[in-house]
Amino acid sequence: MHTNKEKLLKGVKLMGGTLLLLITAPIVLNSSFKNQDHPMFIPVLGIGIVLLVAAIYFGFKGIRTLMGALFND
């Protein structure tokens, strides 16, 4: 049983991007809620929600890729 190194590297890259999204999404959402009276509230809130959903999606995809690389689907 051998580890698929290319798939493992892809999974690590996905998890790195997920980490970046997990840091930026709450910051964007927090700044949105702090400025509710600003005219850009709705667009910034939308961007924060999209970043949050992307973090969840890429997190699951990264974990699935890592598990596939380690356990040879």
PDB file of N, CA and C in Angstrom:
ATOM      1  N   MET A   1       0.850  -1.177   0.000  1.00  0.00           N
ATOM      2  CA  MET A   1       0.000   0.000   0.000  1.00  0.00           C
ATOM      3  C   MET A   1       0.896   1.241   0.000  1.00  0.00           C
ATOM      4  N   HIS A   2       0.777   2.066  -1.033  1.00  0.00           N
ATOM      5  CA  HIS A   2       1.592   3.272  -1.158  1.00  0.00           C
ATOM      6  C   HIS A   2       0.695   4.502  -1.168  1.00  0.00           C
ATOM      7  N   THR A   3       1.269   5.593  -0.669  1.00  0.00           N
ATOM      8  CA  THR A   3       0.552   6.864  -0.654  1.00  0.00           C
ATOM      9  C   THR A   3       0.697   7.548  -2.011  1.00  0.00           C
ATOM     10  N   ASN A   4      -0.414   8.060  -2.529  1.00  0.00           N
ATOM     11  CA  ASN A   4      -0.394   8.810  -3.780  1.00  0.00           C
ATOM     12  C   ASN A   4       0.095  10.227  -3.461  1.00  0.00           C
ATOM     13  N   LYS A   5       1.348  10.514  -3.779  1.00  0.00           N
ATOM     14  CA  LYS A   5       1.964  11.776  -3.372  1.00  0.00           C
ATOM     15  C   LYS A   5       1.373  12.994  -4.080  1.00  0.00           C
ATOM     16  N   GLU A   6       0.987  12.838  -5.351  1.00  0.00           N
ATOM     17  CA  GLU A   6       0.400  13.967  -6.074  1.00  0.00           C
ATOM     18  C   GLU A   6      -0.947  14.347  -5.455  1.00  0.00           C
ATOM     19  N   LYS A   7      -1.728  13.325  -5.132  1.00  0.00           N
ATOM     20  CA  LYS A   7      -3.035  13.573  -4.528  1.00  0.00           C
ATOM     21  C   LYS A   7      -2.879  14.141  -3.115  1.00  0.00           C
ATOM     22  N   LEU A   8      -1.864  13.676  -2.408  1.00  0.00           N
ATOM     23  CA  LEU A   8      -1.591  14.185  -1.068  1.00  0.00           C
ATOM     24  C   LEU A   8      -1.207  15.662  -1.122  1.00  0.00           C
ATOM     25  N   LEU A   9      -0.374  16.038  -2.090  1.00  0.00           N
ATOM     26  CA  LEU A   9       0.031  17.437  -2.243  1.00  0.00           C
ATOM     27  C   LEU A   9      -1.170  18.319  -2.587  1.00  0.00           C
ATOM     28  N   LYS A  10      -2.048  17.803  -3.444  1.00  0.00           N
ATOM     29  CA  LYS A  10      -3.258  18.548  -3.789  1.00  0.00           C
ATOM     30  C   LYS A  10      -4.131  18.757  -2.547  1.00  0.00           C
ATOM     31  N   GLY A  11      -4.253  17.741  -1.710  1.00  0.00           N
ATOM     32  CA  GLY A  11      -5.043  17.860  -0.486  1.00  0.00           C
ATOM     33  C   GLY A  11      -4.444  18.853   0.497  1.00  0.00           C
ATOM     34  N   VAL A  12      -3.125  18.861   0.596  1.00  0.00           N
ATOM     35  CA  VAL A  12      -2.452  19.812   1.492  1.00  0.00           C
ATOM     36  C   VAL A  12      -2.661  21.242   0.985  1.00  0.00           C
ATOM     37  N   LYS A  13      -2.600  21.436  -0.327  1.00  0.00           N
ATOM     38  CA  LYS A  13      -2.846  22.765  -0.897  1.00  0.00           C
ATOM     39  C   LYS A  13      -4.279  23.214  -0.626  1.00  0.00           C
ATOM     40  N   LEU A  14      -5.231  22.300  -0.773  1.00  0.00           N
ATOM     41  CA  LEU A  14      -6.623  22.639  -0.483  1.00  0.00           C
ATOM     42  C   LEU A  14      -6.798  23.026   0.987  1.00  0.00           C
ATOM     43  N   MET A  15      -6.136  22.304   1.870  1.00  0.00           N
ATOM     44  CA  MET A  15      -6.260  22.619   3.290  1.00  0.00           C
ATOM     45  C   MET A  15      -5.590  23.951   3.626  1.00  0.00           C
ATOM     46  N   GLY A  16      -4.519  24.291   2.905  1.00  0.00           N
ATOM     47  CA  GLY A  16      -3.892  25.601   3.094  1.00  0.00           C
ATOM     48  C   GLY A  16      -4.820  26.730   2.670  1.00  0.00           C
ATOM     49  N   GLY A  17      -5.498  26.543   1.545  1.00  0.00           N
ATOM     50  CA  GLY A  17      -6.483  27.536   1.102  1.00  0.00           C
ATOM     51  C   GLY A  17      -7.653  27.622   2.062  1.00  0.00           C
ATOM     52  N   THR A  18      -8.037  26.486   2.618  1.00  0.00           N
ATOM     53  CA  THR A  18      -9.121  26.474   3.602  1.00  0.00           C
ATOM     54  C   THR A  18      -8.725  27.252   4.841  1.00  0.00           C
ATOM     55  N   LEU A  19      -7.485  27.087   5.267  1.00  0.00           N
ATOM     56  CA  LEU A  19      -7.007  27.827   6.433  1.00  0.00           C
ATOM     57  C   LEU A  19      -7.067  29.328   6.186  1.00  0.00           C
ATOM     58  N   LEU A  20      -6.680  29.748   5.000  1.00  0.00           N
ATOM     59  CA  LEU A  20      -6.752  31.166   4.644  1.00  0.00           C
ATOM     60  C   LEU A  20      -8.204  31.660   4.676  1.00  0.00           C
ATOM     61  N   LEU A  21      -9.124  30.858   4.134  1.00  0.00           N
ATOM     62  CA  LEU A  21     -10.537  31.241   4.153  1.00  0.00           C
ATOM     63  C   LEU A  21     -11.109  31.241   5.567  1.00  0.00           C
ATOM     64  N   LEU A  22     -10.652  30.307   6.403  1.00  0.00           N
ATOM     65  CA  LEU A  22     -11.138  30.250   7.783  1.00  0.00           C
ATOM     66  C   LEU A  22     -10.684  31.458   8.592  1.00  0.00           C
ATOM     67  N   ILE A  23      -9.621  32.109   8.157  1.00  0.00           N
ATOM     68  CA  ILE A  23      -9.166  33.323   8.842  1.00  0.00           C
ATOM     69  C   ILE A  23      -9.878  34.558   8.290  1.00  0.00           C
ATOM     70  N   THR A  24     -10.023  34.641   6.964  1.00  0.00           N
ATOM     71  CA  THR A  24     -10.574  35.857   6.371  1.00  0.00           C
ATOM     72  C   THR A  24     -12.097  35.966   6.486  1.00  0.00           C
ATOM     73  N   ALA A  25     -12.814  34.842   6.416  1.00  0.00           N
ATOM     74  CA  ALA A  25     -14.283  34.904   6.449  1.00  0.00           C
ATOM     75  C   ALA A  25     -14.813  35.533   7.737  1.00  0.00           C
ATOM     76  N   PRO A  26     -14.359  35.136   8.922  1.00  0.00           N
ATOM     77  CA  PRO A  26     -14.877  35.781  10.131  1.00  0.00           C
ATOM     78  C   PRO A  26     -14.485  37.258  10.241  1.00  0.00           C
ATOM     79  N   ILE A  27     -13.304  37.611   9.709  1.00  0.00           N
ATOM     80  CA  ILE A  27     -12.890  39.016   9.758  1.00  0.00           C
ATOM     81  C   ILE A  27     -13.815  39.869   8.896  1.00  0.00           C
ATOM     82  N   VAL A  28     -14.134  39.385   7.700  1.00  0.00           N
ATOM     83  CA  VAL A  28     -15.030  40.131   6.807  1.00  0.00           C
ATOM     84  C   VAL A  28     -16.428  40.226   7.405  1.00  0.00           C
ATOM     85  N   LEU A  29     -16.927  39.117   7.966  1.00  0.00           N
ATOM     86  CA  LEU A  29     -18.261  39.147   8.582  1.00  0.00           C
ATOM     87  C   LEU A  29     -18.303  40.087   9.785  1.00  0.00           C
ATOM     88  N   ASN A  30     -17.263  40.068  10.597  1.00  0.00           N
ATOM     89  CA  ASN A  30     -17.216  40.937  11.762  1.00  0.00           C
ATOM     90  C   ASN A  30     -17.184  42.411  11.356  1.00  0.00           C
ATOM     91  N   SER A  31     -16.381  42.737  10.359  1.00  0.00           N
ATOM     92  CA  SER A  31     -16.333  44.137   9.912  1.00  0.00           C
ATOM     93  C   SER A  31     -17.658  44.551   9.285  1.00  0.00           C
ATOM     94  N   SER A  32     -18.345  43.613   8.668  1.00  0.00           N
ATOM     95  CA  SER A  32     -19.659  43.908   8.100  1.00  0.00           C
ATOM     96  C   SER A  32     -20.659  44.256   9.207  1.00  0.00           C
ATOM     97  N   PHE A  33     -20.685  43.435  10.249  1.00  0.00           N
ATOM     98  CA  PHE A  33     -21.650  43.679  11.317  1.00  0.00           C
ATOM     99  C   PHE A  33     -21.306  44.903  12.161  1.00  0.00           C
ATOM    100  N   LYS A  34     -20.041  45.293  12.188  1.00  0.00           N
ATOM    101  CA  LYS A  34     -19.667  46.511  12.910  1.00  0.00           C
ATOM    102  C   LYS A  34     -20.120  47.771  12.181  1.00  0.00           C
ATOM    103  N   ASN A  35     -20.312  47.680  10.865  1.00  0.00           N
ATOM    104  CA  ASN A  35     -20.674  48.843  10.052  1.00  0.00           C
ATOM    105  C   ASN A  35     -22.037  48.657   9.403  1.00  0.00           C
ATOM    106  N   GLN A  36     -23.049  48.367  10.190  1.00  0.00           N
ATOM    107  CA  GLN A  36     -24.374  48.099   9.646  1.00  0.00           C
ATOM    108  C   GLN A  36     -25.030  49.334   9.031  1.00  0.00           C
ATOM    109  N   ASP A  37     -24.631  50.514   9.453  1.00  0.00           N
ATOM    110  CA  ASP A  37     -25.237  51.726   8.906  1.00  0.00           C
ATOM    111  C   ASP A  37     -24.539  52.219   7.636  1.00  0.00           C
ATOM    112  N   HIS A  38     -23.469  51.568   7.247  1.00  0.00           N
ATOM    113  CA  HIS A  38     -22.720  51.947   6.043  1.00  0.00           C
ATOM    114  C   HIS A  38     -23.454  51.432   4.798  1.00  0.00           C
ATOM    115  N   PRO A  39     -23.413  52.167   3.677  1.00  0.00           N
ATOM    116  CA  PRO A  39     -24.121  51.713   2.472  1.00  0.00           C
ATOM    117  C   PRO A  39     -23.559  50.419   1.863  1.00  0.00           C
ATOM    118  N   MET A  40     -22.324  50.054   2.179  1.00  0.00           N
ATOM    119  CA  MET A  40     -21.724  48.833   1.644  1.00  0.00           C
ATOM    120  C   MET A  40     -21.951  47.625   2.551  1.00  0.00           C
ATOM    121  N   PHE A  41     -22.858  47.727   3.511  1.00  0.00           N
ATOM    122  CA  PHE A  41     -23.110  46.632   4.455  1.00  0.00           C
ATOM    123  C   PHE A  41     -23.544  45.358   3.753  1.00  0.00           C
ATOM    124  N   ILE A  42     -24.526  45.442   2.869  1.00  0.00           N
ATOM    125  CA  ILE A  42     -25.069  44.249   2.210  1.00  0.00           C
ATOM    126  C   ILE A  42     -24.023  43.576   1.301  1.00  0.00           C
ATOM    127  N   PRO A  43     -23.274  44.306   0.461  1.00  0.00           N
ATOM    128  CA  PRO A  43     -22.261  43.630  -0.359  1.00  0.00           C
ATOM    129  C   PRO A  43     -21.154  42.963   0.464  1.00  0.00           C
ATOM    130  N   VAL A  44     -20.705  43.634   1.522  1.00  0.00           N
ATOM    131  CA  VAL A  44     -19.647  43.053   2.356  1.00  0.00           C
ATOM    132  C   VAL A  44     -20.178  41.841   3.110  1.00  0.00           C
ATOM    133  N   LEU A  45     -21.426  41.901   3.556  1.00  0.00           N
ATOM    134  CA  LEU A  45     -22.039  40.751   4.220  1.00  0.00           C
ATOM    135  C   LEU A  45     -22.140  39.573   3.248  1.00  0.00           C
ATOM    136  N   GLY A  46     -22.524  39.843   2.006  1.00  0.00           N
ATOM    137  CA  GLY A  46     -22.606  38.793   0.991  1.00  0.00           C
ATOM    138  C   GLY A  46     -21.250  38.154   0.720  1.00  0.00           C
ATOM    139  N   ILE A  47     -20.214  38.982   0.635  1.00  0.00           N
ATOM    140  CA  ILE A  47     -18.865  38.456   0.409  1.00  0.00           C
ATOM    141  C   ILE A  47     -18.439  37.587   1.590  1.00  0.00           C
ATOM    142  N   GLY A  48     -18.749  38.017   2.803  1.00  0.00           N
ATOM    143  CA  GLY A  48     -18.403  37.232   3.988  1.00  0.00           C
ATOM    144  C   GLY A  48     -19.098  35.893   4.016  1.00  0.00           C
ATOM    145  N   ILE A  49     -20.371  35.868   3.631  1.00  0.00           N
ATOM    146  CA  ILE A  49     -21.119  34.609   3.607  1.00  0.00           C
ATOM    147  C   ILE A  49     -20.569  33.678   2.526  1.00  0.00           C
ATOM    148  N   VAL A  50     -20.232  34.229   1.367  1.00  0.00           N
ATOM    149  CA  VAL A  50     -19.652  33.414   0.295  1.00  0.00           C
ATOM    150  C   VAL A  50     -18.307  32.831   0.747  1.00  0.00           C
ATOM    151  N   LEU A  51     -17.482  33.622   1.421  1.00  0.00           N
ATOM    152  CA  LEU A  51     -16.205  33.126   1.922  1.00  0.00           C
ATOM    153  C   LEU A  51     -16.406  32.021   2.964  1.00  0.00           C
ATOM    154  N   LEU A  52     -17.420  32.177   3.800  1.00  0.00           N
ATOM    155  CA  LEU A  52     -17.718  31.174   4.815  1.00  0.00           C
ATOM    156  C   LEU A  52     -18.143  29.853   4.185  1.00  0.00           C
ATOM    157  N   VAL A  53     -19.016  29.920   3.199  1.00  0.00           N
ATOM    158  CA  VAL A  53     -19.471  28.707   2.504  1.00  0.00           C
ATOM    159  C   VAL A  53     -18.303  28.064   1.742  1.00  0.00           C
ATOM    160  N   ALA A  54     -17.455  28.886   1.137  1.00  0.00           N
ATOM    161  CA  ALA A  54     -16.296  28.351   0.413  1.00  0.00           C
ATOM    162  C   ALA A  54     -15.330  27.659   1.371  1.00  0.00           C
ATOM    163  N   ALA A  55     -15.154  28.197   2.575  1.00  0.00           N
ATOM    164  CA  ALA A  55     -14.271  27.565   3.557  1.00  0.00           C
ATOM    165  C   ALA A  55     -14.792  26.189   3.949  1.00  0.00           C
ATOM    166  N   ILE A  56     -16.091  26.079   4.146  1.00  0.00           N
ATOM    167  CA  ILE A  56     -16.680  24.788   4.503  1.00  0.00           C
ATOM    168  C   ILE A  56     -16.532  23.805   3.347  1.00  0.00           C
ATOM    169  N   TYR A  57     -16.834  24.251   2.137  1.00  0.00           N
ATOM    170  CA  TYR A  57     -16.748  23.373   0.963  1.00  0.00           C
ATOM    171  C   TYR A  57     -15.323  22.877   0.742  1.00  0.00           C
ATOM    172  N   PHE A  58     -14.363  23.800   0.721  1.00  0.00           N
ATOM    173  CA  PHE A  58     -12.986  23.400   0.467  1.00  0.00           C
ATOM    174  C   PHE A  58     -12.405  22.598   1.622  1.00  0.00           C
ATOM    175  N   GLY A  59     -12.903  22.812   2.832  1.00  0.00           N
ATOM    176  CA  GLY A  59     -12.470  21.997   3.960  1.00  0.00           C
ATOM    177  C   GLY A  59     -12.866  20.546   3.780  1.00  0.00           C
ATOM    178  N   PHE A  60     -14.126  20.310   3.429  1.00  0.00           N
ATOM    179  CA  PHE A  60     -14.574  18.943   3.188  1.00  0.00           C
ATOM    180  C   PHE A  60     -13.857  18.319   1.992  1.00  0.00           C
ATOM    181  N   LYS A  61     -13.683  19.109   0.935  1.00  0.00           N
ATOM    182  CA  LYS A  61     -13.009  18.595  -0.255  1.00  0.00           C
ATOM    183  C   LYS A  61     -11.548  18.264   0.050  1.00  0.00           C
ATOM    184  N   GLY A  62     -10.887  19.095   0.833  1.00  0.00           N
ATOM    185  CA  GLY A  62      -9.494  18.839   1.196  1.00  0.00           C
ATOM    186  C   GLY A  62      -9.336  17.606   2.057  1.00  0.00           C
ATOM    187  N   ILE A  63     -10.225  17.437   3.031  1.00  0.00           N
ATOM    188  CA  ILE A  63     -10.161  16.248   3.888  1.00  0.00           C
ATOM    189  C   ILE A  63     -10.435  14.991   3.067  1.00  0.00           C
ATOM    190  N   ARG A  64     -11.394  15.080   2.166  1.00  0.00           N
ATOM    191  CA  ARG A  64     -11.718  13.923   1.319  1.00  0.00           C
ATOM    192  C   ARG A  64     -10.530  13.566   0.413  1.00  0.00           C
ATOM    193  N   THR A  65      -9.858  14.581  -0.132  1.00  0.00           N
ATOM    194  CA  THR A  65      -8.688  14.332  -0.973  1.00  0.00           C
ATOM    195  C   THR A  65      -7.548  13.715  -0.175  1.00  0.00           C
ATOM    196  N   LEU A  66      -7.328  14.233   1.040  1.00  0.00           N
ATOM    197  CA  LEU A  66      -6.273  13.665   1.886  1.00  0.00           C
ATOM    198  C   LEU A  66      -6.573  12.207   2.245  1.00  0.00           C
ATOM    199  N   MET A  67      -7.796  11.919   2.591  1.00  0.00           N
ATOM    200  CA  MET A  67      -8.149  10.547   2.938  1.00  0.00           C
ATOM    201  C   MET A  67      -8.020   9.610   1.739  1.00  0.00           C
ATOM    202  N   GLY A  68      -8.369  10.127   0.555  1.00  0.00           N
ATOM    203  CA  GLY A  68      -8.211   9.332  -0.663  1.00  0.00           C
ATOM    204  C   GLY A  68      -6.752   9.054  -0.965  1.00  0.00           C
ATOM    205  N   ALA A  69      -5.895  10.020  -0.697  1.00  0.00           N
ATOM    206  CA  ALA A  69      -4.462   9.829  -0.963  1.00  0.00           C
ATOM    207  C   ALA A  69      -3.851   8.862   0.040  1.00  0.00           C
ATOM    208  N   LEU A  70      -4.263   8.948   1.273  1.00  0.00           N
ATOM    209  CA  LEU A  70      -3.670   8.093   2.307  1.00  0.00           C
ATOM    210  C   LEU A  70      -4.172   6.658   2.263  1.00  0.00           C
ATOM    211  N   PHE A  71      -5.435   6.471   1.938  1.00  0.00           N
ATOM    212  CA  PHE A  71      -6.032   5.137   1.993  1.00  0.00           C
ATOM    213  C   PHE A  71      -6.337   4.551   0.619  1.00  0.00           C
ATOM    214  N   ASN A  72      -5.854   5.182  -0.453  1.00  0.00           N
ATOM    215  CA  ASN A  72      -5.990   4.660  -1.815  1.00  0.00           C
ATOM    216  C   ASN A  72      -7.402   4.233  -2.159  1.00  0.00           C
ATOM    217  N   ASP A  73      -8.241   5.214  -2.472  1.00  0.00           N
ATOM    218  CA  ASP A  73      -9.644   4.918  -2.867  1.00  0.00           C
ATOM    219  C   ASP A  73      -9.719   3.722  -3.778  1.00  0.00           C
TER     220      ASP A  73
END
